Every structure is written in C-alpha cells, then in structure tokens.
Amino acid sequence: MKVRIGLGVSVSTPESLTPVLDGMASYGFDSIWLPELLTGDAFDPMIALTWAAAKYPKLKLGTTMLLPGRNVVRLAKQLATLDSLSSGRLLVTFVPGINRGPEAAAIGLPLAQRRAAIEEAMPVLRALLSGETVSHDGQVASFTDVRLSPLPVQQPLEFWLGGNAPRSLELCGRLGDGWLPSMLTPDEAAAGRVRIQSAAADAGRAVDVEHFGVSIGYSREPLSQQLHDRIAERAGKHEVAELVPVGLPALRQRLQQFIDVGFSKFVVRPVAAPTSWPAELAPLADAVLDLQT
C-alpha cells in the first residue's frame, strides 16, 4: 500500500494559510485539505485551492465538498478547471453536510434528501467530466445537450465519499471511487470497508484497495471541557477518547492501527486551531511522516 498523509485545516486569512502551506511543502505532506463550510469561518475551498495550486506546484489539493444543493454543470466546470490548472492534482470527497445550526439551512436541502441528491448527481458529473454530451432531467438538474470543455487532466476524476451510516456505505460501494470517513474506530473502518466492497460487488464493480482512508482529528494537548463536549455531540455511542487521539504518539499509534486494517490515505487535522502553524507542523511531521511509503 502507498501510505499518504495530508493535512486538513480550516483557515480564513492569507496570514494563516501561507505558513500552513509553506510548512507542508517543506516537510513533505502529501496534500492540503480544505473543508467546505458555508457559514463557518473558512475560505471557500475551490478558490483557496486554486490559489494554493499556483503557489505550491507539488501539493495535492483536497476538499471535502458539499454536493447537495449544487448546480451540477457549474460544479463540473469548476472541478475540471481546477484539475486542469493544477495539472491533475485535485482530490474530491463529497459529503452530505451537517444537520444542525445555520449550516444545515444554508446547504439548501434537508438531510433526508441529500444522499438522494448525491446519488443522482454523481453519474451526471462523471458523464460531463468524461467529455460526453449530456442531457438530464431530474431533481438536481434539468438541461439538454451540454458538453464540457476543458476537461480535467485526470481521467477519470475520482469521487470519494464520506459517511459511516449503512446507506452511505452502500452508496460508496455502488458509486464511489474511495472512502474517507471520520469519527470511527479502526474496527469500524475495517467493517465498513467490507460492506463497501460487498455493495460494489453487487453492482458489478470494485473499489480500489488503495482507495480507503480516514480523516483523523487530533489534539497535542488535553481537550478543554468545551471542546470535549462539542466533539461528544458527534461521537454517538463512543467516548471522545476512542475517536480523538491526544498527543502525537497517540496519533501515530492510531494511524498505524488504521494501516494495519488496510487503510492507507489519511487526513490529519488539529481539532483546535494552533496558535502557531510552524510550531504545529514541525513536531507533527517528525511524528508521522515516516509512515508514508
């Protein structure tokens, strides 16, 4: 397996993004990952990644992107443009988005309809990004005889999916090119992988064994009570300690546990914004980057 480690960050100023990218390029992280948060204090990932692509020609460019609520033709154009401008460095994971606060309303679709929107939109996006002339009349879009140009460098441009629920696993098996979940244990990840490959086999396809990864939130210091409680709201049946390693040795151990059950692509992300990114990245790189193969 080719183990690769990227860094997930949520930033909203050039003064914070530049040192992150400088450090990542210097230390050899594989990819920068920017989440899409419509109402959060964070850059729009497509625009910020385009800026990063021009300044850092070796970093891969990842985003966990909201597909529900989007115009699929416009999205296809944006994805193709960024992949072309970056010479094929774009990594895309589609997520349904959260279901609380103003973010839920801003997405534009209730959670119950978002998986259906992803299921409908993904084949349309694939056809557009492969250069087909596409007509579609459905819930997410209605258009006739659209042919995209320019096309992405990557053919195909892969779509990974997040989510741990049974329906999400089944959808990933039927339509996804890879799986990038979060907030789960190595045992749960291993079980999810089996369910995805089973769903893929039922659909007459397979997900590449190299295309299983995990997004892992970590903390170098003990969690504050406020941060612990916020994470606990999303932890479900788990204790927070099962999901968020505290300390870099614990993060390295958790990565190794996922590697041992067949996962090889990782996004590590501090659960609280560091006061200094250079001070964060140097020990992080020392602790985990030798796992890359």
Protein backbone atom coordinates (compact mmCIF):
# COMPACT_ATOMS: atom_id res chain seq x y z
CA MET A 1 0.00 0.00 0.00
CA LYS A 2 1.08 3.56 -0.68
CA VAL A 3 0.54 5.40 2.59
CA ARG A 4 -0.06 9.11 2.13
CA ILE A 5 -0.69 11.73 4.81
CA GLY A 6 -2.37 15.05 4.16
CA LEU A 7 -3.29 17.88 6.48
CA GLY A 8 -6.80 19.22 6.99
CA VAL A 9 -7.11 22.86 8.03
CA SER A 10 -9.86 25.43 8.37
CA VAL A 11 -8.44 28.92 7.85
CA SER A 12 -9.82 32.28 6.79
CA THR A 13 -6.85 34.64 6.30
CA PRO A 14 -3.82 34.63 3.99
CA GLU A 15 -1.68 35.14 7.10
CA SER A 16 -2.81 31.75 8.41
CA LEU A 17 -2.94 29.81 5.13
CA THR A 18 0.51 30.77 3.85
CA PRO A 19 2.55 29.35 6.77
CA VAL A 20 0.49 26.15 6.67
CA LEU A 21 1.29 25.62 3.01
CA ASP A 22 4.93 26.67 3.39
CA GLY A 23 5.41 24.11 6.14
CA MET A 24 3.56 21.35 4.31
CA ALA A 25 5.62 21.84 1.17
CA SER A 26 8.84 21.91 3.20
CA TYR A 27 8.17 18.80 5.28
CA GLY A 28 6.64 16.63 2.55
CA PHE A 29 2.97 16.29 3.44
CA ASP A 30 1.07 14.76 0.54
CA SER A 31 -1.95 17.06 0.33
CA ILE A 32 -3.75 20.06 1.76
CA TRP A 33 -7.43 19.53 2.62
CA LEU A 34 -9.87 22.40 2.99
CA PRO A 35 -13.44 21.69 4.16
CA GLU A 36 -16.46 23.40 2.67
CA LEU A 37 -18.22 25.33 5.44
CA LEU A 38 -20.81 27.69 4.04
CA THR A 39 -21.41 29.51 7.30
CA GLY A 40 -18.13 28.80 9.09
CA ASP A 41 -15.04 30.97 9.41
CA ALA A 42 -13.21 29.38 6.49
CA PHE A 43 -12.23 30.14 2.92
CA ASP A 44 -14.24 28.76 0.02
CA PRO A 45 -12.17 25.66 -0.78
CA MET A 46 -12.31 25.85 -4.59
CA ILE A 47 -10.98 29.41 -4.66
CA ALA A 48 -8.39 28.86 -1.92
CA LEU A 49 -7.16 25.65 -3.54
CA THR A 50 -6.78 27.42 -6.88
CA TRP A 51 -4.57 29.99 -5.14
CA ALA A 52 -2.61 27.19 -3.46
CA ALA A 53 -2.21 25.34 -6.75
CA ALA A 54 -0.43 28.30 -8.31
CA LYS A 55 1.97 28.85 -5.41
CA TYR A 56 2.75 25.24 -4.41
CA PRO A 57 3.19 23.10 -7.52
CA LYS A 58 3.77 19.75 -5.75
CA LEU A 59 1.00 19.66 -3.15
CA LYS A 60 -2.14 17.73 -3.98
CA LEU A 61 -5.33 19.70 -3.44
CA GLY A 62 -8.13 18.07 -1.46
CA THR A 63 -11.55 19.17 -0.33
CA THR A 64 -14.49 17.64 1.48
CA MET A 65 -17.18 19.22 -0.67
CA LEU A 66 -20.91 19.64 -0.35
CA LEU A 67 -22.57 18.13 -3.41
CA PRO A 68 -26.24 18.55 -2.36
CA GLY A 69 -27.72 21.87 -3.43
CA ARG A 70 -25.22 22.49 -6.23
CA ASN A 71 -25.75 23.15 -9.92
CA VAL A 72 -24.02 20.09 -11.37
CA VAL A 73 -22.98 21.72 -14.66
CA ARG A 74 -21.37 24.63 -12.85
CA LEU A 75 -19.69 22.25 -10.41
CA ALA A 76 -18.35 20.11 -13.25
CA LYS A 77 -16.90 23.23 -14.86
CA GLN A 78 -15.21 24.27 -11.61
CA LEU A 79 -13.76 20.83 -10.93
CA ALA A 80 -12.48 20.46 -14.49
CA THR A 81 -10.93 23.94 -14.40
CA LEU A 82 -9.07 23.40 -11.13
CA ASP A 83 -7.84 19.94 -12.12
CA SER A 84 -6.63 21.33 -15.44
CA LEU A 85 -4.89 24.35 -13.90
CA SER A 86 -3.20 22.16 -11.29
CA SER A 87 -2.05 19.52 -13.81
CA GLY A 88 -4.22 16.82 -12.25
CA ARG A 89 -3.69 17.37 -8.51
CA LEU A 90 -7.31 17.68 -7.39
CA LEU A 91 -8.76 15.26 -4.79
CA VAL A 92 -12.51 15.34 -4.17
CA THR A 93 -14.56 13.80 -1.38
CA PHE A 94 -18.28 14.50 -1.43
CA VAL A 95 -20.10 14.80 1.89
CA PRO A 96 -23.78 15.44 2.69
CA GLY A 97 -23.04 18.16 5.26
CA ILE A 98 -24.12 18.61 8.84
CA ASN A 99 -27.68 18.82 10.08
CA ARG A 100 -27.56 21.50 12.75
CA GLY A 101 -27.36 25.26 13.03
CA PRO A 102 -27.39 27.77 10.17
CA GLU A 103 -25.15 25.50 8.07
CA ALA A 104 -27.97 22.97 7.66
CA ALA A 105 -30.33 25.57 6.21
CA ALA A 106 -27.62 27.12 4.01
CA ILE A 107 -26.99 23.83 2.23
CA GLY A 108 -30.48 24.10 0.78
CA LEU A 109 -31.70 20.52 1.19
CA PRO A 110 -32.83 18.66 4.31
CA LEU A 111 -30.55 15.81 5.36
CA ALA A 112 -33.12 13.21 4.31
CA GLN A 113 -32.81 14.36 0.68
CA ARG A 114 -29.06 14.84 0.48
CA ARG A 115 -27.99 11.24 -0.15
CA ALA A 116 -30.56 11.02 -2.95
CA ALA A 117 -29.13 14.21 -4.44
CA ILE A 118 -25.59 12.78 -4.31
CA GLU A 119 -26.79 9.53 -5.88
CA GLU A 120 -28.46 11.37 -8.75
CA ALA A 121 -25.71 13.93 -9.33
CA MET A 122 -22.62 11.70 -9.35
CA PRO A 123 -23.34 9.83 -12.62
CA VAL A 124 -24.20 13.14 -14.29
CA LEU A 125 -20.92 14.67 -13.12
CA ARG A 126 -18.97 11.63 -14.33
CA ALA A 127 -20.51 11.86 -17.78
CA LEU A 128 -19.84 15.60 -18.05
CA LEU A 129 -16.24 15.29 -16.84
CA SER A 130 -15.51 12.46 -19.28
CA GLY A 131 -16.49 14.63 -22.25
CA GLU A 132 -19.87 13.12 -23.09
CA THR A 133 -22.71 15.24 -24.42
CA VAL A 134 -25.20 15.05 -21.58
CA SER A 135 -28.92 15.69 -21.19
CA HIS A 136 -30.57 15.25 -17.82
CA ASP A 137 -33.98 15.88 -16.35
CA GLY A 138 -34.15 15.21 -12.65
CA GLN A 139 -34.39 16.66 -9.18
CA VAL A 140 -30.84 18.08 -9.08
CA ALA A 141 -30.73 19.49 -12.61
CA SER A 142 -32.52 19.78 -15.91
CA PHE A 143 -30.54 20.58 -19.07
CA THR A 144 -30.06 19.40 -22.66
CA ASP A 145 -27.01 18.65 -24.82
CA VAL A 146 -24.26 20.01 -22.57
CA ARG A 147 -20.67 19.11 -23.39
CA LEU A 148 -17.94 20.27 -21.02
CA SER A 149 -14.70 21.90 -22.09
CA PRO A 150 -11.96 21.95 -20.96
CA LEU A 151 -11.90 18.52 -19.40
CA PRO A 152 -9.95 17.58 -16.27
CA VAL A 153 -6.46 16.16 -16.66
CA GLN A 154 -7.38 13.15 -14.52
CA GLN A 155 -9.49 10.70 -16.47
CA PRO A 156 -11.47 9.75 -14.62
CA LEU A 157 -11.55 12.44 -11.98
CA GLU A 158 -12.25 10.32 -8.92
CA PHE A 159 -15.06 10.97 -6.43
CA TRP A 160 -14.59 9.69 -2.91
CA LEU A 161 -17.38 9.69 -0.36
CA GLY A 162 -17.55 10.22 3.38
CA GLY A 163 -20.10 8.94 5.87
CA ASN A 164 -20.33 5.91 8.15
CA ALA A 165 -24.05 5.10 8.07
CA PRO A 166 -25.14 1.87 6.35
CA ARG A 167 -26.77 3.77 3.48
CA SER A 168 -23.59 5.81 3.00
CA LEU A 169 -21.50 2.64 2.82
CA GLU A 170 -23.85 1.09 0.28
CA LEU A 171 -23.78 4.28 -1.82
CA CYS A 172 -19.99 4.37 -1.72
CA GLY A 173 -19.85 0.78 -2.92
CA ARG A 174 -22.19 1.42 -5.82
CA LEU A 175 -20.90 4.81 -6.97
CA GLY A 176 -17.76 5.92 -5.12
CA ASP A 177 -14.11 5.64 -6.09
CA GLY A 178 -12.92 5.69 -2.49
CA TRP A 179 -13.98 6.18 1.12
CA LEU A 180 -12.79 8.90 3.52
CA PRO A 181 -14.82 8.69 6.75
CA SER A 182 -14.14 10.31 10.11
CA MET A 183 -15.21 9.78 13.72
CA LEU A 184 -14.83 5.99 13.75
CA THR A 185 -12.55 3.34 15.22
CA PRO A 186 -10.19 1.09 13.23
CA ASP A 187 -12.51 -1.89 13.80
CA GLU A 188 -15.47 0.10 12.46
CA ALA A 189 -13.42 1.20 9.49
CA ALA A 190 -12.49 -2.39 8.70
CA ALA A 191 -16.13 -3.46 8.89
CA GLY A 192 -17.19 -0.52 6.73
CA ARG A 193 -14.66 -1.46 4.10
CA VAL A 194 -16.11 -4.97 3.90
CA ARG A 195 -19.63 -3.58 3.46
CA ILE A 196 -18.47 -1.18 0.74
CA GLN A 197 -16.74 -3.90 -1.23
CA SER A 198 -19.77 -6.14 -0.85
CA ALA A 199 -22.04 -3.39 -2.22
CA ALA A 200 -19.55 -2.78 -5.02
CA ALA A 201 -19.53 -6.48 -5.94
CA ASP A 202 -23.33 -6.49 -6.02
CA ALA A 203 -23.12 -3.61 -8.50
CA GLY A 204 -20.57 -5.42 -10.66
CA ARG A 205 -17.63 -3.24 -9.73
CA ALA A 206 -14.88 -2.91 -7.10
CA VAL A 207 -13.34 -0.07 -5.12
CA ASP A 208 -9.54 0.01 -5.44
CA VAL A 209 -7.87 -1.39 -2.32
CA GLU A 210 -5.66 1.73 -2.24
CA HIS A 211 -8.71 3.98 -2.00
CA PHE A 212 -9.60 3.66 1.65
CA GLY A 213 -8.63 6.43 4.01
CA VAL A 214 -9.63 8.21 7.20
CA SER A 215 -9.84 11.81 8.34
CA ILE A 216 -8.50 11.92 11.91
CA GLY A 217 -8.90 14.82 14.29
CA TYR A 218 -6.19 15.01 16.93
CA SER A 219 -5.01 17.24 19.75
CA ARG A 220 -1.50 17.73 21.06
CA GLU A 221 -2.83 18.82 24.45
CA PRO A 222 -5.67 17.54 26.68
CA LEU A 223 -9.01 18.73 25.38
CA SER A 224 -10.73 21.63 27.05
CA GLN A 225 -14.12 20.80 28.50
CA GLN A 226 -15.83 22.96 25.89
CA LEU A 227 -14.06 21.22 23.01
CA HIS A 228 -14.63 17.80 24.56
CA ASP A 229 -18.36 18.49 24.85
CA ARG A 230 -18.57 19.73 21.27
CA ILE A 231 -16.91 16.59 19.94
CA ALA A 232 -19.06 14.41 22.21
CA GLU A 233 -22.17 15.74 20.45
CA ARG A 234 -20.97 14.00 17.27
CA ALA A 235 -19.39 10.94 18.91
CA GLY A 236 -22.60 8.94 19.22
CA LYS A 237 -22.00 5.79 21.25
CA HIS A 238 -18.27 6.43 21.52
CA GLU A 239 -16.20 8.05 24.18
CA VAL A 240 -14.32 11.02 22.77
CA ALA A 241 -11.00 9.34 23.63
CA GLU A 242 -11.85 6.50 21.22
CA LEU A 243 -12.03 8.92 18.31
CA VAL A 244 -9.60 11.78 19.01
CA PRO A 245 -6.02 10.80 19.88
CA VAL A 246 -4.37 13.19 22.33
CA GLY A 247 -0.65 13.65 21.87
CA LEU A 248 1.44 12.92 18.80
CA PRO A 249 2.49 9.42 19.93
CA ALA A 250 -1.20 8.55 20.23
CA LEU A 251 -1.87 9.97 16.75
CA ARG A 252 0.93 7.90 15.27
CA GLN A 253 -0.38 4.79 17.02
CA ARG A 254 -3.88 5.43 15.66
CA LEU A 255 -2.56 5.85 12.13
CA GLN A 256 -0.72 2.56 12.44
CA GLN A 257 -3.88 0.85 13.66
CA PHE A 258 -5.73 2.02 10.55
CA ILE A 259 -2.83 0.94 8.33
CA ASP A 260 -2.95 -2.49 9.95
CA VAL A 261 -6.58 -2.94 8.84
CA GLY A 262 -5.90 -1.88 5.24
CA PHE A 263 -6.29 1.89 5.19
CA SER A 264 -3.61 3.97 3.50
CA LYS A 265 -4.77 7.55 2.82
CA PHE A 266 -5.07 9.93 5.75
CA VAL A 267 -6.06 13.49 6.52
CA VAL A 268 -4.86 14.56 9.96
CA ARG A 269 -6.36 17.73 11.38
CA PRO A 270 -5.95 19.52 14.69
CA VAL A 271 -9.33 19.76 16.40
CA ALA A 272 -8.40 23.24 17.68
CA ALA A 273 -6.61 25.84 15.60
CA PRO A 274 -2.92 26.04 16.61
CA THR A 275 -1.57 29.35 17.88
CA SER A 276 1.40 28.86 15.54
CA TRP A 277 1.31 26.67 12.45
CA PRO A 278 5.12 26.45 12.13
CA ALA A 279 5.26 25.23 15.74
CA GLU A 280 2.49 22.71 14.99
CA LEU A 281 3.86 21.30 11.77
CA ALA A 282 7.46 20.58 12.74
CA PRO A 283 6.70 18.05 15.51
CA LEU A 284 3.73 16.67 13.57
CA ALA A 285 5.93 15.94 10.59
CA ASP A 286 8.54 14.30 12.83
CA ALA A 287 5.87 12.15 14.46
CA VAL A 288 4.01 10.76 11.42
CA LEU A 289 5.56 11.43 8.03
CA ASP A 290 7.95 8.49 8.15
CA LEU A 291 4.82 6.31 7.84
CA GLN A 292 4.47 7.49 4.24
CA THR A 293 5.65 4.85 1.80
